[in-house]
């Protein structure tokens, strides 16, 4: 695969995974379980789990390690969140243009 295409797909995949964990309603029950705890470790996890900017470097690091493992990495595992991330950005752009128009 072209390195440039892999790079862009990786960025979109990390974006989508970070948003999924930090913002999307499907993961809200998991975030709520962290919020109800008083331990300092869970407070740290809550802060991390609710910040897509904080999660991004961790997902990027994990993806980099997986991709560095060499050939044989199942690319559909990258394409799925990458396509979803691109679609999410397209929806946001469309909504912003619609609200202005």
C-alpha atoms as a PDB file:
ATOM      1  CA  UNK A   1       0.000   0.000   0.000  1.00  0.00           C
ATOM      2  CA  UNK A   2       1.129   3.527  -0.758  1.00  0.00           C
ATOM      3  CA  UNK A   3       2.727   5.132   2.322  1.00  0.00           C
ATOM      4  CA  UNK A   4       0.775   8.368   1.865  1.00  0.00           C
ATOM      5  CA  UNK A   5      -2.539   6.536   1.706  1.00  0.00           C
ATOM      6  CA  UNK A   6      -1.621   4.471   4.758  1.00  0.00           C
ATOM      7  CA  UNK A   7      -0.693   7.659   6.608  1.00  0.00           C
ATOM      8  CA  UNK A   8      -4.014   9.375   5.837  1.00  0.00           C
ATOM      9  CA  UNK A   9      -5.986   6.228   6.664  1.00  0.00           C
ATOM     10  CA  UNK A  10      -4.122   5.980   9.973  1.00  0.00           C
ATOM     11  CA  UNK A  11      -4.952   9.583  10.865  1.00  0.00           C
ATOM     12  CA  UNK A  12      -8.636   9.041  10.104  1.00  0.00           C
ATOM     13  CA  UNK A  13      -8.690   5.770  12.048  1.00  0.00           C
ATOM     14  CA  UNK A  14      -7.116   7.352  15.136  1.00  0.00           C
ATOM     15  CA  UNK A  15      -9.532  10.294  14.903  1.00  0.00           C
ATOM     16  CA  UNK A  16     -12.532   7.974  14.752  1.00  0.00           C
ATOM     17  CA  UNK A  17     -11.395   5.713  17.585  1.00  0.00           C
ATOM     18  CA  UNK A  18     -10.639   8.680  19.860  1.00  0.00           C
ATOM     19  CA  UNK A  19     -14.042  10.178  19.135  1.00  0.00           C
ATOM     20  CA  UNK A  20     -15.761   6.828  19.671  1.00  0.00           C
ATOM     21  CA  UNK A  21     -14.286   6.448  23.142  1.00  0.00           C
ATOM     22  CA  UNK A  22     -14.428  10.080  24.295  1.00  0.00           C
ATOM     23  CA  UNK A  23     -17.620  11.471  22.798  1.00  0.00           C
ATOM     24  CA  UNK A  24     -19.987   8.974  21.181  1.00  0.00           C
ATOM     25  CA  UNK A  25     -23.052   7.913  23.161  1.00  0.00           C
ATOM     26  CA  UNK A  26     -22.400   4.195  22.659  1.00  0.00           C
ATOM     27  CA  UNK A  27     -19.455   4.384  25.069  1.00  0.00           C
ATOM     28  CA  UNK A  28     -21.200   6.697  27.538  1.00  0.00           C
ATOM     29  CA  UNK A  29     -22.024   3.877  30.008  1.00  0.00           C
ATOM     30  CA  UNK A  30     -18.326   3.026  30.265  1.00  0.00           C
ATOM     31  CA  UNK A  31     -17.397   6.664  30.832  1.00  0.00           C
ATOM     32  CA  UNK A  32     -20.147   6.984  33.459  1.00  0.00           C
ATOM     33  CA  UNK A  33     -18.704   4.028  35.388  1.00  0.00           C
ATOM     34  CA  UNK A  34     -15.380   5.855  35.558  1.00  0.00           C
ATOM     35  CA  UNK A  35     -17.057   9.099  36.606  1.00  0.00           C
ATOM     36  CA  UNK A  36     -18.711   7.509  39.635  1.00  0.00           C
ATOM     37  CA  UNK A  37     -15.424   6.414  41.196  1.00  0.00           C
ATOM     38  CA  UNK A  38     -13.407   8.400  43.695  1.00  0.00           C
ATOM     39  CA  UNK A  39     -10.047   6.671  43.212  1.00  0.00           C
ATOM     40  CA  UNK A  40      -7.291   8.775  41.699  1.00  0.00           C
ATOM     41  CA  UNK A  41      -6.527   6.130  39.052  1.00  0.00           C
ATOM     42  CA  UNK A  42     -10.119   6.157  37.846  1.00  0.00           C
ATOM     43  CA  UNK A  43     -10.136   9.966  37.905  1.00  0.00           C
ATOM     44  CA  UNK A  44      -7.096   9.874  35.607  1.00  0.00           C
ATOM     45  CA  UNK A  45      -8.850   7.352  33.342  1.00  0.00           C
ATOM     46  CA  UNK A  46     -11.979   9.539  33.316  1.00  0.00           C
ATOM     47  CA  UNK A  47      -9.918  12.541  32.246  1.00  0.00           C
ATOM     48  CA  UNK A  48      -8.289  10.471  29.519  1.00  0.00           C
ATOM     49  CA  UNK A  49     -11.479   8.747  28.354  1.00  0.00           C
ATOM     50  CA  UNK A  50     -13.374  12.005  27.914  1.00  0.00           C
ATOM     51  CA  UNK A  51     -10.702  13.824  25.905  1.00  0.00           C
ATOM     52  CA  UNK A  52     -10.273  12.857  22.248  1.00  0.00           C
ATOM     53  CA  UNK A  53      -7.138  15.000  22.076  1.00  0.00           C
ATOM     54  CA  UNK A  54      -5.654  13.019  24.967  1.00  0.00           C
ATOM     55  CA  UNK A  55      -6.650   9.637  23.534  1.00  0.00           C
ATOM     56  CA  UNK A  56      -5.280  10.367  20.073  1.00  0.00           C
ATOM     57  CA  UNK A  57      -1.585   9.932  20.899  1.00  0.00           C
ATOM     58  CA  UNK A  58      -2.278   6.645  22.685  1.00  0.00           C
ATOM     59  CA  UNK A  59      -4.280   5.227  19.779  1.00  0.00           C
ATOM     60  CA  UNK A  60      -1.652   6.523  17.361  1.00  0.00           C
ATOM     61  CA  UNK A  61       1.106   4.820  19.338  1.00  0.00           C
ATOM     62  CA  UNK A  62      -0.765   1.514  19.391  1.00  0.00           C
ATOM     63  CA  UNK A  63      -1.500   1.711  15.676  1.00  0.00           C
ATOM     64  CA  UNK A  64       2.125   2.573  14.920  1.00  0.00           C
ATOM     65  CA  UNK A  65       3.298  -0.501  16.831  1.00  0.00           C
ATOM     66  CA  UNK A  66       0.796  -2.704  14.968  1.00  0.00           C
ATOM     67  CA  UNK A  67       1.798  -1.309  11.572  1.00  0.00           C
ATOM     68  CA  UNK A  68       5.494  -1.599  12.418  1.00  0.00           C
ATOM     69  CA  UNK A  69       4.965  -5.310  13.012  1.00  0.00           C
ATOM     70  CA  UNK A  70       5.196  -5.610   9.256  1.00  0.00           C
ATOM     71  CA  UNK A  71       3.185  -7.252   6.539  1.00  0.00           C
ATOM     72  CA  UNK A  72       0.322  -9.423   7.479  1.00  0.00           C
ATOM     73  CA  UNK A  73      -1.444  -6.776   9.553  1.00  0.00           C
ATOM     74  CA  UNK A  74      -5.121  -7.096   8.645  1.00  0.00           C
ATOM     75  CA  UNK A  75      -5.799  -3.804   6.851  1.00  0.00           C
ATOM     76  CA  UNK A  76      -9.591  -4.020   7.236  1.00  0.00           C
ATOM     77  CA  UNK A  77      -8.957  -3.275  10.904  1.00  0.00           C
ATOM     78  CA  UNK A  78      -7.469   0.021   9.747  1.00  0.00           C
ATOM     79  CA  UNK A  79      -9.900   0.742   6.926  1.00  0.00           C
ATOM     80  CA  UNK A  80     -13.049   0.362   9.021  1.00  0.00           C
ATOM     81  CA  UNK A  81     -12.301   3.211  11.466  1.00  0.00           C
ATOM     82  CA  UNK A  82     -10.558   5.214   8.714  1.00  0.00           C
ATOM     83  CA  UNK A  83     -13.623   5.181   6.474  1.00  0.00           C
ATOM     84  CA  UNK A  84     -15.838   5.890   9.467  1.00  0.00           C
ATOM     85  CA  UNK A  85     -13.597   8.803  10.477  1.00  0.00           C
ATOM     86  CA  UNK A  86     -13.701  10.263   6.980  1.00  0.00           C
ATOM     87  CA  UNK A  87     -17.468   9.904   6.921  1.00  0.00           C
ATOM     88  CA  UNK A  88     -17.748  11.609  10.324  1.00  0.00           C
ATOM     89  CA  UNK A  89     -15.703  14.554   9.105  1.00  0.00           C
ATOM     90  CA  UNK A  90     -17.825  14.777   5.961  1.00  0.00           C
ATOM     91  CA  UNK A  91     -21.028  14.853   8.029  1.00  0.00           C
ATOM     92  CA  UNK A  92     -19.654  17.593  10.279  1.00  0.00           C
ATOM     93  CA  UNK A  93     -18.601  19.645   7.245  1.00  0.00           C
ATOM     94  CA  UNK A  94     -22.008  19.125   5.639  1.00  0.00           C
ATOM     95  CA  UNK A  95     -23.843  20.184   8.791  1.00  0.00           C
ATOM     96  CA  UNK A  96     -21.722  23.310   9.114  1.00  0.00           C
ATOM     97  CA  UNK A  97     -22.328  24.261   5.475  1.00  0.00           C
ATOM     98  CA  UNK A  98     -26.066  23.600   5.813  1.00  0.00           C
ATOM     99  CA  UNK A  99     -26.363  25.793   8.902  1.00  0.00           C
ATOM    100  CA  UNK A 100     -24.632  28.690   7.138  1.00  0.00           C
ATOM    101  CA  UNK A 101     -26.635  28.368   3.937  1.00  0.00           C
END
